Amino acid sequence: MTEVKAPRRRTNTRARLLAAAVDVFVERGARRVTVDDLVSAAGYTRGAFYSNFNSVDEVLLAAFKQEAEKQIQAVRDAVDKHTDTGSSGLLITAALEALRPTQDRWFILQSEVMLQSLRDPDAREISAATFAALNAQLVEVVELALDRIDRTPTVPVDLLAQTVMGVFLHSLALRTVNPEDPRADRLLDEALPQVLDGVSVPRSTGQR
């Protein structure tokens, strides 16, 4: 029984450490976070930490990846339920509503990972692999979204996914600097649907 429980217990420990780490990184900023901060927040010892992670930087990247995958899954679920094939705007609204509860926390983690990558070439290489894996998941969601609104992209889906993400990130950046900046909402409500429609065509047209 011990051999069965030990891996599960370690998985639970890692999950609790990551859950606590998200709050710590968001509140303090990655450069100010120590191992003691993380284990204190999770209610563990340093030994438990080093049984699962090698450094604070490793936890930051793992926490970001976990939160990003949650965001992607939330959008995937919202898109999967969408039934109005005639409106890219309504589809985008549904996706954004799914993101809204945790988007600010995720944006902070994403910003911290980017700063870490700028400061540390070794971290940059590891981060690049993580972003590539997340991008592959994002492409799948964009493909699903296009299917739901019955459209065919006129550019590679990877480029479309990156364009959508770029608009979304810039809207979050604008809102971070000035929560009252109207451009943040206009980018998402007005520009993004036009971007999606502008680089895709109705599927019947694309198949001719």
N, C-alpha and C. Protein backbone atom coordinates (compact mmCIF):
# COMPACT_ATOMS: atom_id res chain seq x y z
N MET A 1 0.82 -1.22 0.00
CA MET A 1 0.00 0.00 0.00
C MET A 1 0.85 1.26 0.00
N THR A 2 2.00 1.23 0.69
CA THR A 2 2.85 2.40 0.76
C THR A 2 3.33 2.82 -0.62
N GLU A 3 3.67 1.83 -1.48
CA GLU A 3 4.18 2.14 -2.81
C GLU A 3 3.11 2.79 -3.68
N VAL A 4 1.84 2.50 -3.38
CA VAL A 4 0.76 3.10 -4.14
C VAL A 4 0.46 4.51 -3.66
N LYS A 5 0.49 4.72 -2.34
CA LYS A 5 0.11 6.00 -1.77
C LYS A 5 1.17 7.08 -1.93
N ALA A 6 2.45 6.68 -1.89
CA ALA A 6 3.52 7.67 -1.91
C ALA A 6 3.49 8.56 -3.15
N PRO A 7 3.37 8.00 -4.37
CA PRO A 7 3.31 8.87 -5.54
C PRO A 7 2.10 9.79 -5.51
N ARG A 8 0.94 9.27 -5.02
CA ARG A 8 -0.26 10.10 -4.95
C ARG A 8 -0.06 11.23 -3.95
N ARG A 9 0.58 10.92 -2.81
CA ARG A 9 0.82 11.94 -1.80
C ARG A 9 1.75 13.01 -2.36
N ARG A 10 2.77 12.60 -3.13
CA ARG A 10 3.69 13.56 -3.71
C ARG A 10 2.97 14.44 -4.74
N THR A 11 2.07 13.85 -5.51
CA THR A 11 1.28 14.62 -6.47
C THR A 11 0.43 15.66 -5.77
N ASN A 12 -0.19 15.27 -4.66
CA ASN A 12 -1.01 16.21 -3.90
C ASN A 12 -0.17 17.33 -3.32
N THR A 13 1.03 16.98 -2.84
CA THR A 13 1.93 17.99 -2.29
C THR A 13 2.31 19.00 -3.37
N ARG A 14 2.66 18.50 -4.53
CA ARG A 14 3.03 19.39 -5.65
C ARG A 14 1.87 20.29 -6.03
N ALA A 15 0.66 19.72 -6.08
CA ALA A 15 -0.52 20.51 -6.45
C ALA A 15 -0.78 21.62 -5.44
N ARG A 16 -0.63 21.31 -4.15
CA ARG A 16 -0.87 22.32 -3.11
C ARG A 16 0.21 23.40 -3.15
N LEU A 17 1.44 23.00 -3.41
CA LEU A 17 2.51 23.98 -3.52
C LEU A 17 2.25 24.94 -4.69
N LEU A 18 1.82 24.39 -5.83
CA LEU A 18 1.55 25.24 -6.99
C LEU A 18 0.37 26.17 -6.75
N ALA A 19 -0.68 25.63 -6.13
CA ALA A 19 -1.86 26.46 -5.84
C ALA A 19 -1.50 27.63 -4.94
N ALA A 20 -0.71 27.35 -3.92
CA ALA A 20 -0.28 28.42 -3.00
C ALA A 20 0.67 29.38 -3.70
N ALA A 21 1.51 28.84 -4.58
CA ALA A 21 2.52 29.66 -5.26
C ALA A 21 1.88 30.73 -6.12
N VAL A 22 0.77 30.42 -6.76
CA VAL A 22 0.10 31.41 -7.62
C VAL A 22 -0.22 32.67 -6.82
N ASP A 23 -0.80 32.49 -5.64
CA ASP A 23 -1.15 33.65 -4.80
C ASP A 23 0.09 34.42 -4.37
N VAL A 24 1.13 33.69 -4.02
CA VAL A 24 2.36 34.34 -3.54
C VAL A 24 3.01 35.16 -4.65
N PHE A 25 3.13 34.56 -5.83
CA PHE A 25 3.75 35.27 -6.96
C PHE A 25 2.94 36.51 -7.35
N VAL A 26 1.63 36.38 -7.36
CA VAL A 26 0.77 37.50 -7.74
C VAL A 26 0.89 38.63 -6.73
N GLU A 27 0.95 38.30 -5.46
CA GLU A 27 0.98 39.32 -4.42
C GLU A 27 2.35 39.97 -4.24
N ARG A 28 3.43 39.17 -4.37
CA ARG A 28 4.76 39.67 -4.04
C ARG A 28 5.64 39.96 -5.25
N GLY A 29 5.40 39.31 -6.37
CA GLY A 29 6.31 39.42 -7.50
C GLY A 29 7.40 38.37 -7.38
N ALA A 30 7.74 37.73 -8.48
CA ALA A 30 8.63 36.57 -8.44
C ALA A 30 9.99 36.87 -7.84
N ARG A 31 10.54 38.04 -8.08
CA ARG A 31 11.90 38.36 -7.61
C ARG A 31 11.97 38.46 -6.09
N ARG A 32 10.84 38.65 -5.45
CA ARG A 32 10.83 38.80 -3.99
C ARG A 32 10.42 37.51 -3.27
N VAL A 33 10.08 36.48 -4.02
CA VAL A 33 9.57 35.25 -3.42
C VAL A 33 10.73 34.30 -3.08
N THR A 34 10.66 33.71 -1.88
CA THR A 34 11.66 32.74 -1.45
C THR A 34 11.01 31.38 -1.27
N VAL A 35 11.84 30.37 -1.13
CA VAL A 35 11.33 29.03 -0.84
C VAL A 35 10.52 29.04 0.45
N ASP A 36 11.00 29.76 1.45
CA ASP A 36 10.28 29.83 2.73
C ASP A 36 8.89 30.44 2.55
N ASP A 37 8.77 31.44 1.67
CA ASP A 37 7.46 32.04 1.40
C ASP A 37 6.51 31.00 0.83
N LEU A 38 7.00 30.19 -0.08
CA LEU A 38 6.16 29.21 -0.76
C LEU A 38 5.73 28.08 0.17
N VAL A 39 6.67 27.57 0.96
CA VAL A 39 6.29 26.45 1.84
C VAL A 39 5.41 26.94 2.98
N SER A 40 5.64 28.17 3.42
CA SER A 40 4.79 28.72 4.47
C SER A 40 3.35 28.88 3.98
N ALA A 41 3.20 29.36 2.76
CA ALA A 41 1.86 29.56 2.20
C ALA A 41 1.14 28.23 2.00
N ALA A 42 1.91 27.18 1.65
CA ALA A 42 1.30 25.88 1.38
C ALA A 42 1.19 25.01 2.62
N GLY A 43 1.88 25.40 3.71
CA GLY A 43 1.84 24.60 4.93
C GLY A 43 2.75 23.38 4.89
N TYR A 44 3.87 23.50 4.18
CA TYR A 44 4.82 22.39 4.07
C TYR A 44 6.20 22.81 4.59
N THR A 45 7.13 21.89 4.52
CA THR A 45 8.50 22.15 4.92
C THR A 45 9.37 22.32 3.68
N ARG A 46 10.58 22.80 3.91
CA ARG A 46 11.52 22.94 2.79
C ARG A 46 11.82 21.58 2.16
N GLY A 47 11.81 20.53 2.99
CA GLY A 47 12.05 19.19 2.46
C GLY A 47 10.99 18.79 1.46
N ALA A 48 9.74 19.12 1.76
CA ALA A 48 8.65 18.81 0.83
C ALA A 48 8.83 19.59 -0.47
N PHE A 49 9.29 20.84 -0.34
CA PHE A 49 9.51 21.66 -1.53
C PHE A 49 10.55 21.01 -2.43
N TYR A 50 11.71 20.67 -1.86
CA TYR A 50 12.80 20.15 -2.69
C TYR A 50 12.58 18.72 -3.15
N SER A 51 11.55 18.09 -2.64
CA SER A 51 11.16 16.78 -3.17
C SER A 51 10.38 16.93 -4.47
N ASN A 52 9.91 18.14 -4.73
CA ASN A 52 9.08 18.39 -5.91
C ASN A 52 9.68 19.40 -6.88
N PHE A 53 10.47 20.34 -6.37
CA PHE A 53 11.03 21.39 -7.22
C PHE A 53 12.49 21.64 -6.85
N ASN A 54 13.20 22.22 -7.80
CA ASN A 54 14.61 22.56 -7.57
C ASN A 54 14.82 24.02 -7.21
N SER A 55 13.87 24.88 -7.59
CA SER A 55 14.07 26.31 -7.37
C SER A 55 12.74 27.05 -7.43
N VAL A 56 12.77 28.29 -6.99
CA VAL A 56 11.60 29.15 -7.08
C VAL A 56 11.25 29.41 -8.55
N ASP A 57 12.28 29.58 -9.38
CA ASP A 57 12.03 29.82 -10.80
C ASP A 57 11.28 28.65 -11.44
N GLU A 58 11.61 27.45 -11.05
CA GLU A 58 10.92 26.27 -11.58
C GLU A 58 9.45 26.28 -11.17
N VAL A 59 9.18 26.69 -9.95
CA VAL A 59 7.79 26.77 -9.48
C VAL A 59 7.03 27.83 -10.26
N LEU A 60 7.67 28.97 -10.51
CA LEU A 60 7.02 30.04 -11.26
C LEU A 60 6.58 29.53 -12.63
N LEU A 61 7.47 28.85 -13.35
CA LEU A 61 7.13 28.38 -14.68
C LEU A 61 6.04 27.32 -14.62
N ALA A 62 6.11 26.44 -13.63
CA ALA A 62 5.09 25.39 -13.50
C ALA A 62 3.74 26.00 -13.15
N ALA A 63 3.74 27.01 -12.28
CA ALA A 63 2.49 27.67 -11.90
C ALA A 63 1.88 28.39 -13.10
N PHE A 64 2.73 29.07 -13.87
CA PHE A 64 2.24 29.75 -15.06
C PHE A 64 1.63 28.76 -16.05
N LYS A 65 2.35 27.66 -16.30
CA LYS A 65 1.86 26.65 -17.25
C LYS A 65 0.51 26.09 -16.80
N GLN A 66 0.40 25.82 -15.50
CA GLN A 66 -0.85 25.28 -14.98
C GLN A 66 -2.00 26.27 -15.15
N GLU A 67 -1.75 27.54 -14.82
CA GLU A 67 -2.80 28.55 -14.96
C GLU A 67 -3.16 28.79 -16.42
N ALA A 68 -2.15 28.78 -17.29
CA ALA A 68 -2.41 28.97 -18.72
C ALA A 68 -3.26 27.84 -19.27
N GLU A 69 -2.96 26.62 -18.86
CA GLU A 69 -3.75 25.47 -19.33
C GLU A 69 -5.18 25.55 -18.83
N LYS A 70 -5.37 26.07 -17.62
CA LYS A 70 -6.73 26.26 -17.11
C LYS A 70 -7.47 27.29 -17.96
N GLN A 71 -6.77 28.36 -18.34
CA GLN A 71 -7.38 29.39 -19.17
C GLN A 71 -7.78 28.82 -20.53
N ILE A 72 -6.87 28.08 -21.12
CA ILE A 72 -7.14 27.50 -22.43
C ILE A 72 -8.31 26.54 -22.36
N GLN A 73 -8.36 25.74 -21.29
CA GLN A 73 -9.47 24.78 -21.15
C GLN A 73 -10.79 25.51 -20.95
N ALA A 74 -10.76 26.61 -20.21
CA ALA A 74 -11.99 27.39 -20.00
C ALA A 74 -12.52 27.92 -21.31
N VAL A 75 -11.61 28.41 -22.16
CA VAL A 75 -12.02 28.91 -23.48
C VAL A 75 -12.50 27.75 -24.35
N ARG A 76 -11.80 26.64 -24.30
CA ARG A 76 -12.20 25.48 -25.09
C ARG A 76 -13.63 25.05 -24.74
N ASP A 77 -13.92 25.02 -23.45
CA ASP A 77 -15.26 24.62 -23.01
C ASP A 77 -16.32 25.61 -23.49
N ALA A 78 -16.00 26.91 -23.39
CA ALA A 78 -16.96 27.94 -23.83
C ALA A 78 -17.20 27.87 -25.33
N VAL A 79 -16.13 27.68 -26.08
CA VAL A 79 -16.24 27.59 -27.54
C VAL A 79 -17.00 26.34 -27.95
N ASP A 80 -16.73 25.26 -27.24
CA ASP A 80 -17.36 23.99 -27.56
C ASP A 80 -18.88 24.05 -27.40
N LYS A 81 -19.35 24.91 -26.49
CA LYS A 81 -20.78 25.04 -26.23
C LYS A 81 -21.46 26.03 -27.18
N HIS A 82 -20.65 26.79 -27.93
CA HIS A 82 -21.20 27.84 -28.79
C HIS A 82 -21.94 27.24 -29.97
N THR A 83 -23.14 27.74 -30.24
CA THR A 83 -23.96 27.17 -31.31
C THR A 83 -24.35 28.18 -32.39
N ASP A 84 -24.04 29.46 -32.19
CA ASP A 84 -24.42 30.48 -33.16
C ASP A 84 -23.33 30.59 -34.23
N THR A 85 -23.53 29.94 -35.36
CA THR A 85 -22.50 29.92 -36.40
C THR A 85 -22.38 31.24 -37.15
N GLY A 86 -23.30 32.15 -36.93
CA GLY A 86 -23.30 33.38 -37.72
C GLY A 86 -22.59 34.56 -37.08
N SER A 87 -22.04 34.40 -35.88
CA SER A 87 -21.48 35.56 -35.19
C SER A 87 -20.15 35.25 -34.52
N SER A 88 -19.07 35.79 -35.08
CA SER A 88 -17.78 35.66 -34.43
C SER A 88 -17.74 36.51 -33.16
N GLY A 89 -18.49 37.63 -33.16
CA GLY A 89 -18.51 38.51 -31.99
C GLY A 89 -19.07 37.81 -30.77
N LEU A 90 -20.17 37.09 -30.94
CA LEU A 90 -20.76 36.37 -29.81
C LEU A 90 -19.84 35.26 -29.32
N LEU A 91 -19.15 34.61 -30.25
CA LEU A 91 -18.20 33.56 -29.86
C LEU A 91 -17.07 34.14 -29.03
N ILE A 92 -16.53 35.27 -29.47
CA ILE A 92 -15.43 35.90 -28.74
C ILE A 92 -15.91 36.37 -27.37
N THR A 93 -17.11 36.91 -27.30
CA THR A 93 -17.68 37.34 -26.02
C THR A 93 -17.77 36.17 -25.05
N ALA A 94 -18.22 35.02 -25.53
CA ALA A 94 -18.33 33.83 -24.68
C ALA A 94 -16.96 33.39 -24.19
N ALA A 95 -15.98 33.44 -25.07
CA ALA A 95 -14.62 33.04 -24.69
C ALA A 95 -14.04 34.00 -23.66
N LEU A 96 -14.25 35.29 -23.85
CA LEU A 96 -13.73 36.29 -22.92
C LEU A 96 -14.39 36.20 -21.55
N GLU A 97 -15.68 35.90 -21.54
CA GLU A 97 -16.38 35.72 -20.27
C GLU A 97 -15.79 34.54 -19.49
N ALA A 98 -15.39 33.51 -20.20
CA ALA A 98 -14.77 32.35 -19.54
C ALA A 98 -13.41 32.70 -18.94
N LEU A 99 -12.72 33.65 -19.57
CA LEU A 99 -11.39 34.05 -19.10
C LEU A 99 -11.44 35.05 -17.94
N ARG A 100 -12.50 35.84 -17.90
CA ARG A 100 -12.53 37.00 -17.02
C ARG A 100 -12.20 36.72 -15.55
N PRO A 101 -12.71 35.64 -14.94
CA PRO A 101 -12.48 35.45 -13.50
C PRO A 101 -11.01 35.35 -13.10
N THR A 102 -10.16 34.83 -13.97
CA THR A 102 -8.76 34.60 -13.58
C THR A 102 -7.75 35.25 -14.52
N GLN A 103 -8.20 36.07 -15.46
CA GLN A 103 -7.28 36.59 -16.46
C GLN A 103 -6.21 37.50 -15.87
N ASP A 104 -6.54 38.28 -14.86
CA ASP A 104 -5.56 39.20 -14.29
C ASP A 104 -4.44 38.45 -13.58
N ARG A 105 -4.81 37.42 -12.83
CA ARG A 105 -3.78 36.61 -12.15
C ARG A 105 -2.87 35.93 -13.17
N TRP A 106 -3.49 35.39 -14.21
CA TRP A 106 -2.70 34.73 -15.25
C TRP A 106 -1.76 35.72 -15.94
N PHE A 107 -2.26 36.93 -16.19
CA PHE A 107 -1.45 37.95 -16.87
C PHE A 107 -0.23 38.33 -16.04
N ILE A 108 -0.41 38.42 -14.73
CA ILE A 108 0.72 38.72 -13.86
C ILE A 108 1.77 37.62 -13.93
N LEU A 109 1.32 36.36 -13.86
CA LEU A 109 2.26 35.24 -13.96
C LEU A 109 2.98 35.24 -15.30
N GLN A 110 2.24 35.50 -16.37
CA GLN A 110 2.84 35.52 -17.69
C GLN A 110 3.90 36.62 -17.78
N SER A 111 3.61 37.76 -17.20
CA SER A 111 4.57 38.86 -17.20
C SER A 111 5.82 38.51 -16.40
N GLU A 112 5.63 37.83 -15.29
CA GLU A 112 6.78 37.42 -14.46
C GLU A 112 7.66 36.42 -15.21
N VAL A 113 7.04 35.51 -15.94
CA VAL A 113 7.82 34.53 -16.72
C VAL A 113 8.59 35.23 -17.83
N MET A 114 7.98 36.21 -18.47
CA MET A 114 8.67 36.95 -19.52
C MET A 114 9.87 37.70 -18.96
N LEU A 115 9.70 38.32 -17.80
CA LEU A 115 10.82 39.02 -17.16
C LEU A 115 11.94 38.05 -16.78
N GLN A 116 11.55 36.90 -16.27
CA GLN A 116 12.54 35.87 -15.93
C GLN A 116 13.33 35.46 -17.16
N SER A 117 12.64 35.31 -18.29
CA SER A 117 13.30 34.90 -19.53
C SER A 117 14.26 35.97 -20.03
N LEU A 118 13.90 37.24 -19.84
CA LEU A 118 14.78 38.33 -20.26
C LEU A 118 16.05 38.37 -19.43
N ARG A 119 15.94 38.02 -18.17
CA ARG A 119 17.09 38.13 -17.27
C ARG A 119 18.00 36.91 -17.32
N ASP A 120 17.43 35.75 -17.67
CA ASP A 120 18.18 34.49 -17.55
C ASP A 120 18.07 33.68 -18.84
N PRO A 121 19.17 33.57 -19.61
CA PRO A 121 19.13 32.80 -20.86
C PRO A 121 18.72 31.35 -20.66
N ASP A 122 19.13 30.74 -19.55
CA ASP A 122 18.74 29.35 -19.30
C ASP A 122 17.23 29.24 -19.10
N ALA A 123 16.68 30.19 -18.36
CA ALA A 123 15.23 30.20 -18.14
C ALA A 123 14.50 30.45 -19.45
N ARG A 124 15.11 31.25 -20.32
CA ARG A 124 14.48 31.56 -21.61
C ARG A 124 14.30 30.30 -22.45
N GLU A 125 15.29 29.44 -22.42
CA GLU A 125 15.20 28.20 -23.21
C GLU A 125 14.08 27.31 -22.69
N ILE A 126 13.98 27.19 -21.37
CA ILE A 126 12.94 26.37 -20.78
C ILE A 126 11.57 26.99 -21.03
N SER A 127 11.48 28.30 -20.88
CA SER A 127 10.21 28.99 -21.11
C SER A 127 9.74 28.84 -22.55
N ALA A 128 10.69 28.85 -23.48
CA ALA A 128 10.34 28.73 -24.89
C ALA A 128 9.62 27.41 -25.16
N ALA A 129 10.09 26.35 -24.53
CA ALA A 129 9.45 25.05 -24.71
C ALA A 129 8.04 25.05 -24.13
N THR A 130 7.88 25.72 -23.00
CA THR A 130 6.55 25.80 -22.38
C THR A 130 5.59 26.60 -23.25
N PHE A 131 6.05 27.73 -23.76
CA PHE A 131 5.20 28.55 -24.62
C PHE A 131 4.84 27.81 -25.90
N ALA A 132 5.76 27.02 -26.43
CA ALA A 132 5.47 26.25 -27.64
C ALA A 132 4.38 25.23 -27.38
N ALA A 133 4.44 24.57 -26.23
CA ALA A 133 3.41 23.58 -25.88
C ALA A 133 2.06 24.25 -25.70
N LEU A 134 2.06 25.40 -25.05
CA LEU A 134 0.80 26.13 -24.84
C LEU A 134 0.25 26.64 -26.17
N ASN A 135 1.13 27.07 -27.05
CA ASN A 135 0.68 27.56 -28.35
C ASN A 135 -0.01 26.45 -29.14
N ALA A 136 0.50 25.23 -29.05
CA ALA A 136 -0.13 24.11 -29.74
C ALA A 136 -1.56 23.90 -29.24
N GLN A 137 -1.76 24.06 -27.94
CA GLN A 137 -3.11 23.94 -27.38
C GLN A 137 -3.99 25.10 -27.85
N LEU A 138 -3.40 26.28 -27.91
CA LEU A 138 -4.16 27.46 -28.36
C LEU A 138 -4.61 27.30 -29.81
N VAL A 139 -3.74 26.77 -30.64
CA VAL A 139 -4.08 26.54 -32.04
C VAL A 139 -5.29 25.61 -32.15
N GLU A 140 -5.32 24.58 -31.32
CA GLU A 140 -6.44 23.65 -31.33
C GLU A 140 -7.75 24.37 -30.99
N VAL A 141 -7.68 25.30 -30.03
CA VAL A 141 -8.88 26.04 -29.64
C VAL A 141 -9.33 26.97 -30.76
N VAL A 142 -8.38 27.61 -31.44
CA VAL A 142 -8.74 28.49 -32.55
C VAL A 142 -9.37 27.68 -33.68
N GLU A 143 -8.83 26.51 -33.94
CA GLU A 143 -9.42 25.64 -34.96
C GLU A 143 -10.85 25.26 -34.59
N LEU A 144 -11.07 24.98 -33.31
CA LEU A 144 -12.41 24.66 -32.84
C LEU A 144 -13.34 25.86 -32.99
N ALA A 145 -12.82 27.06 -32.68
CA ALA A 145 -13.62 28.27 -32.80
C ALA A 145 -14.04 28.51 -34.25
N LEU A 146 -13.11 28.34 -35.17
CA LEU A 146 -13.42 28.51 -36.59
C LEU A 146 -14.47 27.49 -37.04
N ASP A 147 -14.36 26.31 -36.52
CA ASP A 147 -15.35 25.28 -36.86
C ASP A 147 -16.73 25.67 -36.36
N ARG A 148 -16.78 26.26 -35.15
CA ARG A 148 -18.07 26.63 -34.55
C ARG A 148 -18.76 27.75 -35.34
N ILE A 149 -17.98 28.64 -35.94
CA ILE A 149 -18.61 29.72 -36.72
C ILE A 149 -18.54 29.42 -38.22
N ASP A 150 -18.14 28.20 -38.55
CA ASP A 150 -18.19 27.72 -39.93
C ASP A 150 -17.35 28.58 -40.87
N ARG A 151 -16.10 28.86 -40.45
CA ARG A 151 -15.22 29.68 -41.27
C ARG A 151 -13.89 28.96 -41.49
N THR A 152 -13.21 29.36 -42.57
CA THR A 152 -11.91 28.81 -42.94
C THR A 152 -10.87 29.92 -42.89
N PRO A 153 -9.74 29.72 -42.24
CA PRO A 153 -8.73 30.79 -42.16
C PRO A 153 -8.05 31.01 -43.51
N THR A 154 -7.67 32.25 -43.76
CA THR A 154 -6.93 32.59 -44.98
C THR A 154 -5.45 32.77 -44.69
N VAL A 155 -5.07 32.59 -43.45
CA VAL A 155 -3.67 32.59 -43.02
C VAL A 155 -3.45 31.32 -42.21
N PRO A 156 -2.20 30.89 -42.01
CA PRO A 156 -1.97 29.72 -41.16
C PRO A 156 -2.61 29.91 -39.79
N VAL A 157 -3.21 28.86 -39.27
CA VAL A 157 -3.93 28.96 -38.00
C VAL A 157 -2.99 29.39 -36.88
N ASP A 158 -1.73 28.99 -36.95
CA ASP A 158 -0.77 29.38 -35.93
C ASP A 158 -0.63 30.90 -35.87
N LEU A 159 -0.56 31.53 -37.04
CA LEU A 159 -0.46 33.00 -37.08
C LEU A 159 -1.73 33.65 -36.56
N LEU A 160 -2.86 33.08 -36.90
CA LEU A 160 -4.13 33.61 -36.41
C LEU A 160 -4.20 33.51 -34.89
N ALA A 161 -3.77 32.37 -34.35
CA ALA A 161 -3.78 32.18 -32.90
C ALA A 161 -2.89 33.21 -32.21
N GLN A 162 -1.72 33.46 -32.80
CA GLN A 162 -0.80 34.44 -32.21
C GLN A 162 -1.36 35.86 -32.31
N THR A 163 -2.06 36.15 -33.40
CA THR A 163 -2.67 37.47 -33.55
C THR A 163 -3.75 37.70 -32.51
N VAL A 164 -4.60 36.71 -32.33
CA VAL A 164 -5.67 36.80 -31.32
C VAL A 164 -5.06 36.98 -29.93
N MET A 165 -4.02 36.18 -29.64
CA MET A 165 -3.38 36.29 -28.33
C MET A 165 -2.73 37.65 -28.15
N GLY A 166 -2.13 38.18 -29.22
CA GLY A 166 -1.49 39.49 -29.13
C GLY A 166 -2.48 40.59 -28.80
N VAL A 167 -3.64 40.56 -29.45
CA VAL A 167 -4.68 41.55 -29.17
C VAL A 167 -5.16 41.42 -27.73
N PHE A 168 -5.36 40.19 -27.30
CA PHE A 168 -5.84 39.94 -25.93
C PHE A 168 -4.82 40.44 -24.90
N LEU A 169 -3.56 40.12 -25.10
CA LEU A 169 -2.52 40.55 -24.16
C LEU A 169 -2.41 42.07 -24.11
N HIS A 170 -2.52 42.72 -25.27
CA HIS A 170 -2.40 44.19 -25.27
C HIS A 170 -3.59 44.82 -24.55
N SER A 171 -4.75 44.23 -24.68
CA SER A 171 -5.91 44.76 -23.95
C SER A 171 -5.70 44.66 -22.45
N LEU A 172 -5.11 43.54 -22.02
CA LEU A 172 -4.82 43.38 -20.59
C LEU A 172 -3.76 44.37 -20.13
N ALA A 173 -2.78 44.62 -20.98
CA ALA A 173 -1.74 45.59 -20.63
C ALA A 173 -2.32 46.99 -20.49
N LEU A 174 -3.20 47.36 -21.41
CA LEU A 174 -3.84 48.67 -21.33
C LEU A 174 -4.65 48.81 -20.05
N ARG A 175 -5.39 47.75 -19.72
CA ARG A 175 -6.23 47.79 -18.52
C ARG A 175 -5.37 47.82 -17.25
N THR A 176 -4.20 47.18 -17.29
CA THR A 176 -3.31 47.19 -16.14
C THR A 176 -2.78 48.59 -15.87
N VAL A 177 -2.38 49.28 -16.93
CA VAL A 177 -1.85 50.64 -16.79
C VAL A 177 -2.95 51.62 -16.39
N ASN A 178 -4.11 51.47 -17.02
CA ASN A 178 -5.24 52.37 -16.72
C ASN A 178 -6.54 51.59 -16.82
N PRO A 179 -7.10 51.16 -15.68
CA PRO A 179 -8.34 50.37 -15.71
C PRO A 179 -9.50 51.04 -16.42
N GLU A 180 -9.44 52.36 -16.57
CA GLU A 180 -10.53 53.09 -17.22
C GLU A 180 -10.28 53.32 -18.71
N ASP A 181 -9.18 52.83 -19.24
CA ASP A 181 -8.86 53.05 -20.65
C ASP A 181 -9.89 52.33 -21.53
N PRO A 182 -10.69 53.06 -22.31
CA PRO A 182 -11.74 52.43 -23.12
C PRO A 182 -11.19 51.56 -24.25
N ARG A 183 -9.93 51.79 -24.61
CA ARG A 183 -9.36 51.02 -25.72
C ARG A 183 -9.24 49.54 -25.38
N ALA A 184 -9.11 49.23 -24.10
CA ALA A 184 -8.98 47.83 -23.71
C ALA A 184 -10.21 47.03 -24.13
N ASP A 185 -11.39 47.56 -23.83
CA ASP A 185 -12.62 46.87 -24.21
C ASP A 185 -12.87 46.95 -25.71
N ARG A 186 -12.53 48.07 -26.31
CA ARG A 186 -12.78 48.22 -27.75
C ARG A 186 -11.93 47.24 -28.56
N LEU A 187 -10.73 46.99 -28.10
CA LEU A 187 -9.88 46.02 -28.79
C LEU A 187 -10.57 44.65 -28.85
N LEU A 188 -11.18 44.27 -27.75
CA LEU A 188 -11.80 42.94 -27.66
C LEU A 188 -13.19 42.91 -28.28
N ASP A 189 -13.97 43.97 -28.04
CA ASP A 189 -15.37 43.96 -28.49
C ASP A 189 -15.53 44.36 -29.96
N GLU A 190 -14.64 45.25 -30.43
CA GLU A 190 -14.79 45.76 -31.78
C GLU A 190 -13.72 45.25 -32.74
N ALA A 191 -12.45 45.35 -32.32
CA ALA A 191 -11.36 45.00 -33.23
C ALA A 191 -11.20 43.49 -33.41
N LEU A 192 -11.26 42.75 -32.32
CA LEU A 192 -10.97 41.31 -32.41
C LEU A 192 -11.93 40.56 -33.32
N PRO A 193 -13.26 40.80 -33.25
CA PRO A 193 -14.14 40.13 -34.20
C PRO A 193 -13.82 40.47 -35.66
N GLN A 194 -13.43 41.73 -35.91
CA GLN A 194 -13.08 42.12 -37.28
C GLN A 194 -11.79 41.45 -37.73
N VAL A 195 -10.85 41.28 -36.79
CA VAL A 195 -9.61 40.56 -37.11
C VAL A 195 -9.94 39.13 -37.51
N LEU A 196 -10.76 38.48 -36.69
CA LEU A 196 -11.10 37.09 -36.97
C LEU A 196 -11.82 36.96 -38.31
N ASP A 197 -12.78 37.86 -38.57
CA ASP A 197 -13.51 37.80 -39.83
C ASP A 197 -12.62 38.20 -41.02
N GLY A 198 -11.65 39.09 -40.75
CA GLY A 198 -10.80 39.58 -41.84
C GLY A 198 -9.80 38.57 -42.34
N VAL A 199 -9.43 37.62 -41.49
CA VAL A 199 -8.44 36.60 -41.90
C VAL A 199 -9.08 35.23 -42.02
N SER A 200 -10.38 35.23 -42.28
CA SER A 200 -11.08 33.97 -42.53
C SER A 200 -12.25 34.25 -43.47
N VAL A 201 -12.75 33.19 -44.06
CA VAL A 201 -13.90 33.31 -44.97
C VAL A 201 -14.90 32.24 -44.60
N PRO A 202 -16.18 32.44 -44.96
CA PRO A 202 -17.16 31.38 -44.71
C PRO A 202 -16.68 30.07 -45.35
N ARG A 203 -16.91 28.98 -44.67
CA ARG A 203 -16.38 27.71 -45.12
C ARG A 203 -16.83 27.36 -46.53
N SER A 204 -18.06 27.69 -46.89
CA SER A 204 -18.55 27.39 -48.23
C SER A 204 -17.74 28.13 -49.29
N THR A 205 -17.32 29.37 -48.95
CA THR A 205 -16.49 30.16 -49.87
C THR A 205 -15.11 29.56 -50.00
N GLY A 206 -14.56 29.18 -48.83
CA GLY A 206 -13.19 28.65 -48.83
C GLY A 206 -13.06 27.33 -49.55
N GLN A 207 -14.17 26.62 -49.75
CA GLN A 207 -14.10 25.30 -50.37
C GLN A 207 -14.34 25.36 -51.88
N ARG A 208 -14.62 26.53 -52.40
CA ARG A 208 -14.88 26.63 -53.84
C ARG A 208 -13.59 26.52 -54.64
